PDB file of N, CA and C in Angstrom:
ATOM      1  N   MET A   1      -8.852   9.181 -12.014  1.00  0.00           N
ATOM      2  CA  MET A   1     -10.056   9.555 -11.315  1.00  0.00           C
ATOM      3  C   MET A   1     -10.414   8.436 -10.347  1.00  0.00           C
ATOM      4  N   SER A   2     -10.202   8.662  -9.097  1.00  0.00           N
ATOM      5  CA  SER A   2     -10.507   7.639  -8.103  1.00  0.00           C
ATOM      6  C   SER A   2     -11.611   8.139  -7.182  1.00  0.00           C
ATOM      7  N   ALA A   3     -12.791   7.568  -7.350  1.00  0.00           N
ATOM      8  CA  ALA A   3     -13.926   7.944  -6.509  1.00  0.00           C
ATOM      9  C   ALA A   3     -14.640   6.665  -6.102  1.00  0.00           C
ATOM     10  N   PRO A   4     -14.208   6.024  -5.003  1.00  0.00           N
ATOM     11  CA  PRO A   4     -14.780   4.725  -4.633  1.00  0.00           C
ATOM     12  C   PRO A   4     -16.285   4.751  -4.371  1.00  0.00           C
ATOM     13  N   ARG A   5     -16.839   5.900  -4.098  1.00  0.00           N
ATOM     14  CA  ARG A   5     -18.290   5.984  -3.872  1.00  0.00           C
ATOM     15  C   ARG A   5     -19.051   6.031  -5.197  1.00  0.00           C
ATOM     16  N   ILE A   6     -18.339   6.313  -6.283  1.00  0.00           N
ATOM     17  CA  ILE A   6     -18.954   6.403  -7.601  1.00  0.00           C
ATOM     18  C   ILE A   6     -18.504   5.201  -8.422  1.00  0.00           C
ATOM     19  N   VAL A   7     -19.460   4.508  -9.027  1.00  0.00           N
ATOM     20  CA  VAL A   7     -19.119   3.338  -9.839  1.00  0.00           C
ATOM     21  C   VAL A   7     -19.659   3.504 -11.256  1.00  0.00           C
ATOM     22  N   VAL A   8     -18.915   2.924 -12.184  1.00  0.00           N
ATOM     23  CA  VAL A   8     -19.336   2.873 -13.581  1.00  0.00           C
ATOM     24  C   VAL A   8     -19.365   1.402 -13.959  1.00  0.00           C
ATOM     25  N   ASP A   9     -20.548   0.906 -14.256  1.00  0.00           N
ATOM     26  CA  ASP A   9     -20.743  -0.512 -14.566  1.00  0.00           C
ATOM     27  C   ASP A   9     -21.698  -0.590 -15.752  1.00  0.00           C
ATOM     28  N   ALA A  10     -21.261  -1.236 -16.811  1.00  0.00           N
ATOM     29  CA  ALA A  10     -22.082  -1.339 -18.020  1.00  0.00           C
ATOM     30  C   ALA A  10     -23.444  -1.964 -17.743  1.00  0.00           C
ATOM     31  N   ASN A  11     -23.564  -2.725 -16.673  1.00  0.00           N
ATOM     32  CA  ASN A  11     -24.828  -3.384 -16.341  1.00  0.00           C
ATOM     33  C   ASN A  11     -25.762  -2.524 -15.496  1.00  0.00           C
ATOM     34  N   ILE A  12     -25.309  -1.349 -15.103  1.00  0.00           N
ATOM     35  CA  ILE A  12     -26.139  -0.436 -14.305  1.00  0.00           C
ATOM     36  C   ILE A  12     -26.350   0.838 -15.108  1.00  0.00           C
ATOM     37  N   LEU A  13     -27.574   1.071 -15.512  1.00  0.00           N
ATOM     38  CA  LEU A  13     -27.944   2.280 -16.270  1.00  0.00           C
ATOM     39  C   LEU A  13     -27.007   2.524 -17.451  1.00  0.00           C
ATOM     40  N   THR A  14     -26.713   1.465 -18.168  1.00  0.00           N
ATOM     41  CA  THR A  14     -25.851   1.499 -19.365  1.00  0.00           C
ATOM     42  C   THR A  14     -24.502   2.175 -19.135  1.00  0.00           C
ATOM     43  N   GLY A  15     -23.975   2.046 -17.937  1.00  0.00           N
ATOM     44  CA  GLY A  15     -22.629   2.538 -17.664  1.00  0.00           C
ATOM     45  C   GLY A  15     -22.528   3.970 -17.187  1.00  0.00           C
ATOM     46  N   LYS A  16     -23.652   4.598 -16.908  1.00  0.00           N
ATOM     47  CA  LYS A  16     -23.571   5.959 -16.354  1.00  0.00           C
ATOM     48  C   LYS A  16     -22.984   5.884 -14.951  1.00  0.00           C
ATOM     49  N   PRO A  17     -22.191   6.874 -14.549  1.00  0.00           N
ATOM     50  CA  PRO A  17     -21.653   6.859 -13.186  1.00  0.00           C
ATOM     51  C   PRO A  17     -22.774   7.038 -12.164  1.00  0.00           C
ATOM     52  N   VAL A  18     -22.798   6.136 -11.164  1.00  0.00           N
ATOM     53  CA  VAL A  18     -23.834   6.159 -10.127  1.00  0.00           C
ATOM     54  C   VAL A  18     -23.188   6.101  -8.751  1.00  0.00           C
ATOM     55  N   ILE A  19     -23.955   6.508  -7.744  1.00  0.00           N
ATOM     56  CA  ILE A  19     -23.516   6.335  -6.363  1.00  0.00           C
ATOM     57  C   ILE A  19     -23.571   4.847  -6.055  1.00  0.00           C
ATOM     58  N   ARG A  20     -22.477   4.318  -5.530  1.00  0.00           N
ATOM     59  CA  ARG A  20     -22.375   2.883  -5.224  1.00  0.00           C
ATOM     60  C   ARG A  20     -23.595   2.408  -4.435  1.00  0.00           C
ATOM     61  N   GLY A  21     -24.158   1.289  -4.870  1.00  0.00           N
ATOM     62  CA  GLY A  21     -25.293   0.695  -4.175  1.00  0.00           C
ATOM     63  C   GLY A  21     -26.636   1.325  -4.495  1.00  0.00           C
ATOM     64  N   THR A  22     -26.650   2.274  -5.437  1.00  0.00           N
ATOM     65  CA  THR A  22     -27.901   2.935  -5.822  1.00  0.00           C
ATOM     66  C   THR A  22     -28.009   2.955  -7.340  1.00  0.00           C
ATOM     67  N   ARG A  23     -29.107   3.501  -7.807  1.00  0.00           N
ATOM     68  CA  ARG A  23     -29.269   3.767  -9.231  1.00  0.00           C
ATOM     69  C   ARG A  23     -29.358   5.283  -9.451  1.00  0.00           C
ATOM     70  N   LEU A  24     -28.817   6.040  -8.507  1.00  0.00           N
ATOM     71  CA  LEU A  24     -28.786   7.502  -8.628  1.00  0.00           C
ATOM     72  C   LEU A  24     -27.528   7.898  -9.383  1.00  0.00           C
ATOM     73  N   THR A  25     -27.718   8.533 -10.537  1.00  0.00           N
ATOM     74  CA  THR A  25     -26.562   8.933 -11.334  1.00  0.00           C
ATOM     75  C   THR A  25     -25.945  10.222 -10.792  1.00  0.00           C
ATOM     76  N   VAL A  26     -24.667  10.377 -11.086  1.00  0.00           N
ATOM     77  CA  VAL A  26     -23.975  11.626 -10.751  1.00  0.00           C
ATOM     78  C   VAL A  26     -24.704  12.777 -11.430  1.00  0.00           C
ATOM     79  N   GLU A  27     -25.082  12.586 -12.672  1.00  0.00           N
ATOM     80  CA  GLU A  27     -25.793  13.615 -13.429  1.00  0.00           C
ATOM     81  C   GLU A  27     -27.070  14.050 -12.708  1.00  0.00           C
ATOM     82  N   PHE A  28     -27.820  13.092 -12.182  1.00  0.00           N
ATOM     83  CA  PHE A  28     -29.067  13.390 -11.476  1.00  0.00           C
ATOM     84  C   PHE A  28     -28.799  14.210 -10.218  1.00  0.00           C
ATOM     85  N   VAL A  29     -27.805  13.799  -9.437  1.00  0.00           N
ATOM     86  CA  VAL A  29     -27.485  14.505  -8.188  1.00  0.00           C
ATOM     87  C   VAL A  29     -26.994  15.919  -8.490  1.00  0.00           C
ATOM     88  N   ILE A  30     -26.130  16.066  -9.495  1.00  0.00           N
ATOM     89  CA  ILE A  30     -25.662  17.402  -9.878  1.00  0.00           C
ATOM     90  C   ILE A  30     -26.852  18.250 -10.330  1.00  0.00           C
ATOM     91  N   GLY A  31     -27.785  17.641 -11.035  1.00  0.00           N
ATOM     92  CA  GLY A  31     -28.991  18.349 -11.464  1.00  0.00           C
ATOM     93  C   GLY A  31     -29.825  18.835 -10.293  1.00  0.00           C
ATOM     94  N   LEU A  32     -29.974  17.987  -9.276  1.00  0.00           N
ATOM     95  CA  LEU A  32     -30.709  18.413  -8.082  1.00  0.00           C
ATOM     96  C   LEU A  32     -30.041  19.621  -7.441  1.00  0.00           C
ATOM     97  N   LEU A  33     -28.719  19.561  -7.311  1.00  0.00           N
ATOM     98  CA  LEU A  33     -27.990  20.686  -6.717  1.00  0.00           C
ATOM     99  C   LEU A  33     -28.147  21.941  -7.574  1.00  0.00           C
ATOM    100  N   ALA A  34     -28.078  21.783  -8.891  1.00  0.00           N
ATOM    101  CA  ALA A  34     -28.240  22.926  -9.797  1.00  0.00           C
ATOM    102  C   ALA A  34     -29.642  23.520  -9.696  1.00  0.00           C
ATOM    103  N   ASP A  35     -30.614  22.674  -9.377  1.00  0.00           N
ATOM    104  CA  ASP A  35     -31.994  23.140  -9.222  1.00  0.00           C
ATOM    105  C   ASP A  35     -32.267  23.745  -7.849  1.00  0.00           C
ATOM    106  N   GLY A  36     -31.228  23.814  -7.007  1.00  0.00           N
ATOM    107  CA  GLY A  36     -31.380  24.475  -5.715  1.00  0.00           C
ATOM    108  C   GLY A  36     -31.574  23.558  -4.522  1.00  0.00           C
ATOM    109  N   TRP A  37     -31.567  22.237  -4.733  1.00  0.00           N
ATOM    110  CA  TRP A  37     -31.686  21.320  -3.601  1.00  0.00           C
ATOM    111  C   TRP A  37     -30.450  21.444  -2.733  1.00  0.00           C
ATOM    112  N   THR A  38     -30.633  21.285  -1.439  1.00  0.00           N
ATOM    113  CA  THR A  38     -29.488  21.253  -0.536  1.00  0.00           C
ATOM    114  C   THR A  38     -29.051  19.804  -0.344  1.00  0.00           C
ATOM    115  N   GLN A  39     -27.861  19.670   0.165  1.00  0.00           N
ATOM    116  CA  GLN A  39     -27.347  18.334   0.482  1.00  0.00           C
ATOM    117  C   GLN A  39     -28.287  17.627   1.455  1.00  0.00           C
ATOM    118  N   ALA A  40     -28.754  18.353   2.456  1.00  0.00           N
ATOM    119  CA  ALA A  40     -29.658  17.773   3.459  1.00  0.00           C
ATOM    120  C   ALA A  40     -30.966  17.311   2.818  1.00  0.00           C
ATOM    121  N   GLU A  41     -31.494  18.077   1.870  1.00  0.00           N
ATOM    122  CA  GLU A  41     -32.732  17.679   1.190  1.00  0.00           C
ATOM    123  C   GLU A  41     -32.531  16.392   0.393  1.00  0.00           C
ATOM    124  N   ILE A  42     -31.388  16.281  -0.256  1.00  0.00           N
ATOM    125  CA  ILE A  42     -31.088  15.062  -1.018  1.00  0.00           C
ATOM    126  C   ILE A  42     -31.008  13.872  -0.072  1.00  0.00           C
ATOM    127  N   GLU A  43     -30.318  14.050   1.050  1.00  0.00           N
ATOM    128  CA  GLU A  43     -30.193  12.962   2.026  1.00  0.00           C
ATOM    129  C   GLU A  43     -31.560  12.544   2.575  1.00  0.00           C
ATOM    130  N   ARG A  44     -32.436  13.519   2.829  1.00  0.00           N
ATOM    131  CA  ARG A  44     -33.776  13.208   3.349  1.00  0.00           C
ATOM    132  C   ARG A  44     -34.625  12.479   2.303  1.00  0.00           C
ATOM    133  N   GLN A  45     -34.559  12.945   1.078  1.00  0.00           N
ATOM    134  CA  GLN A  45     -35.398  12.382   0.014  1.00  0.00           C
ATOM    135  C   GLN A  45     -34.908  11.012  -0.456  1.00  0.00           C
ATOM    136  N   TYR A  46     -33.602  10.779  -0.346  1.00  0.00           N
ATOM    137  CA  TYR A  46     -33.008   9.526  -0.825  1.00  0.00           C
ATOM    138  C   TYR A  46     -32.250   8.864   0.322  1.00  0.00           C
ATOM    139  N   PRO A  47     -32.968   8.124   1.171  1.00  0.00           N
ATOM    140  CA  PRO A  47     -32.332   7.467   2.320  1.00  0.00           C
ATOM    141  C   PRO A  47     -31.175   6.577   1.862  1.00  0.00           C
ATOM    142  N   GLY A  48     -30.113   6.613   2.631  1.00  0.00           N
ATOM    143  CA  GLY A  48     -28.924   5.840   2.283  1.00  0.00           C
ATOM    144  C   GLY A  48     -27.877   6.678   1.579  1.00  0.00           C
ATOM    145  N   VAL A  49     -28.293   7.798   0.987  1.00  0.00           N
ATOM    146  CA  VAL A  49     -27.336   8.717   0.368  1.00  0.00           C
ATOM    147  C   VAL A  49     -26.784   9.609   1.466  1.00  0.00           C
ATOM    148  N   THR A  50     -25.466   9.719   1.514  1.00  0.00           N
ATOM    149  CA  THR A  50     -24.800  10.481   2.570  1.00  0.00           C
ATOM    150  C   THR A  50     -24.195  11.770   2.028  1.00  0.00           C
ATOM    151  N   ALA A  51     -23.770  12.613   2.942  1.00  0.00           N
ATOM    152  CA  ALA A  51     -23.071  13.838   2.561  1.00  0.00           C
ATOM    153  C   ALA A  51     -21.828  13.497   1.747  1.00  0.00           C
ATOM    154  N   GLU A  52     -21.165  12.407   2.109  1.00  0.00           N
ATOM    155  CA  GLU A  52     -19.962  11.987   1.388  1.00  0.00           C
ATOM    156  C   GLU A  52     -20.299  11.564  -0.039  1.00  0.00           C
ATOM    157  N   ASP A  53     -21.471  10.958  -0.233  1.00  0.00           N
ATOM    158  CA  ASP A  53     -21.900  10.571  -1.580  1.00  0.00           C
ATOM    159  C   ASP A  53     -22.125  11.805  -2.449  1.00  0.00           C
ATOM    160  N   VAL A  54     -22.785  12.807  -1.888  1.00  0.00           N
ATOM    161  CA  VAL A  54     -23.041  14.040  -2.630  1.00  0.00           C
ATOM    162  C   VAL A  54     -21.712  14.717  -2.966  1.00  0.00           C
ATOM    163  N   ALA A  55     -20.799  14.761  -2.007  1.00  0.00           N
ATOM    164  CA  ALA A  55     -19.477  15.342  -2.258  1.00  0.00           C
ATOM    165  C   ALA A  55     -18.737  14.553  -3.330  1.00  0.00           C
ATOM    166  N   ALA A  56     -18.889  13.231  -3.333  1.00  0.00           N
ATOM    167  CA  ALA A  56     -18.234  12.400  -4.345  1.00  0.00           C
ATOM    168  C   ALA A  56     -18.780  12.703  -5.738  1.00  0.00           C
ATOM    169  N   CYS A  57     -20.074  12.988  -5.834  1.00  0.00           N
ATOM    170  CA  CYS A  57     -20.657  13.374  -7.123  1.00  0.00           C
ATOM    171  C   CYS A  57     -20.038  14.669  -7.626  1.00  0.00           C
ATOM    172  N   LEU A  58     -19.902  15.635  -6.735  1.00  0.00           N
ATOM    173  CA  LEU A  58     -19.281  16.904  -7.115  1.00  0.00           C
ATOM    174  C   LEU A  58     -17.828  16.698  -7.527  1.00  0.00           C
ATOM    175  N   ALA A  59     -17.100  15.883  -6.781  1.00  0.00           N
ATOM    176  CA  ALA A  59     -15.695  15.620  -7.101  1.00  0.00           C
ATOM    177  C   ALA A  59     -15.575  14.900  -8.441  1.00  0.00           C
ATOM    178  N   TYR A  60     -16.471  13.956  -8.701  1.00  0.00           N
ATOM    179  CA  TYR A  60     -16.446  13.230  -9.970  1.00  0.00           C
ATOM    180  C   TYR A  60     -16.675  14.209 -11.124  1.00  0.00           C
ATOM    181  N   ALA A  61     -17.673  15.071 -10.991  1.00  0.00           N
ATOM    182  CA  ALA A  61     -17.959  16.058 -12.033  1.00  0.00           C
ATOM    183  C   ALA A  61     -16.768  16.992 -12.236  1.00  0.00           C
ATOM    184  N   ARG A  62     -16.151  17.427 -11.150  1.00  0.00           N
ATOM    185  CA  ARG A  62     -14.968  18.281 -11.241  1.00  0.00           C
ATOM    186  C   ARG A  62     -13.865  17.582 -12.022  1.00  0.00           C
ATOM    187  N   ASP A  63     -13.623  16.314 -11.703  1.00  0.00           N
ATOM    188  CA  ASP A  63     -12.558  15.566 -12.364  1.00  0.00           C
ATOM    189  C   ASP A  63     -12.841  15.369 -13.851  1.00  0.00           C
ATOM    190  N   VAL A  64     -14.089  15.074 -14.190  1.00  0.00           N
ATOM    191  CA  VAL A  64     -14.449  14.888 -15.600  1.00  0.00           C
ATOM    192  C   VAL A  64     -14.271  16.193 -16.363  1.00  0.00           C
ATOM    193  N   LEU A  65     -14.768  17.279 -15.800  1.00  0.00           N
ATOM    194  CA  LEU A  65     -14.628  18.573 -16.471  1.00  0.00           C
ATOM    195  C   LEU A  65     -13.171  19.010 -16.545  1.00  0.00           C
ATOM    196  N   GLY A  66     -12.411  18.714 -15.503  1.00  0.00           N
ATOM    197  CA  GLY A  66     -10.996  19.082 -15.488  1.00  0.00           C
ATOM    198  C   GLY A  66     -10.176  18.332 -16.514  1.00  0.00           C
ATOM    199  N   ALA A  67     -10.615  17.140 -16.881  1.00  0.00           N
ATOM    200  CA  ALA A  67      -9.881  16.326 -17.851  1.00  0.00           C
ATOM    201  C   ALA A  67     -10.283  16.645 -19.292  1.00  0.00           C
ATOM    202  N   GLU A  68     -11.339  17.424 -19.454  1.00  0.00           N
ATOM    203  CA  GLU A  68     -11.842  17.738 -20.786  1.00  0.00           C
ATOM    204  C   GLU A  68     -10.953  18.769 -21.466  1.00  0.00           C
ATOM    205  N   LYS A  69     -10.693  18.546 -22.735  1.00  0.00           N
ATOM    206  CA  LYS A  69      -9.912  19.514 -23.510  1.00  0.00           C
ATOM    207  C   LYS A  69     -10.888  20.460 -24.209  1.00  0.00           C
ATOM    208  N   VAL A  70     -10.592  21.741 -24.125  1.00  0.00           N
ATOM    209  CA  VAL A  70     -11.450  22.755 -24.720  1.00  0.00           C
ATOM    210  C   VAL A  70     -10.636  23.525 -25.744  1.00  0.00           C
ATOM    211  N   TYR A  71     -11.222  23.707 -26.911  1.00  0.00           N
ATOM    212  CA  TYR A  71     -10.542  24.426 -27.984  1.00  0.00           C
ATOM    213  C   TYR A  71     -11.392  25.630 -28.379  1.00  0.00           C
ATOM    214  N   ALA A  72     -10.745  26.782 -28.465  1.00  0.00           N
ATOM    215  CA  ALA A  72     -11.450  28.001 -28.852  1.00  0.00           C
ATOM    216  C   ALA A  72     -11.793  27.946 -30.335  1.00  0.00           C
ATOM    217  N   LEU A  73     -13.013  28.289 -30.648  1.00  0.00           N
ATOM    218  CA  LEU A  73     -13.446  28.389 -32.042  1.00  0.00           C
ATOM    219  C   LEU A  73     -13.643  29.864 -32.343  1.00  0.00           C
ATOM    220  N   SER A  74     -12.825  30.365 -33.266  1.00  0.00           N
ATOM    221  CA  SER A  74     -12.966  31.799 -33.551  1.00  0.00           C
ATOM    222  C   SER A  74     -13.109  32.080 -35.011  1.00  0.00           C
TER     223      SER A  74
END
């Protein structure tokens, strides 16, 4: 998983993945999108966050979910 815009550092928010140079977690950004925020609204509300940062959050989430193993319980 290579996402240079996303960093995981134990000293920043206990190691949650964040947008580099911010304290905005991937989880938070994905939550905003799930709540109906647009990329442009996120950029306006959080100066310094770019379209590429939002895309990196989506890519990071995709990679994490893609690496997860799922087992059917029946």
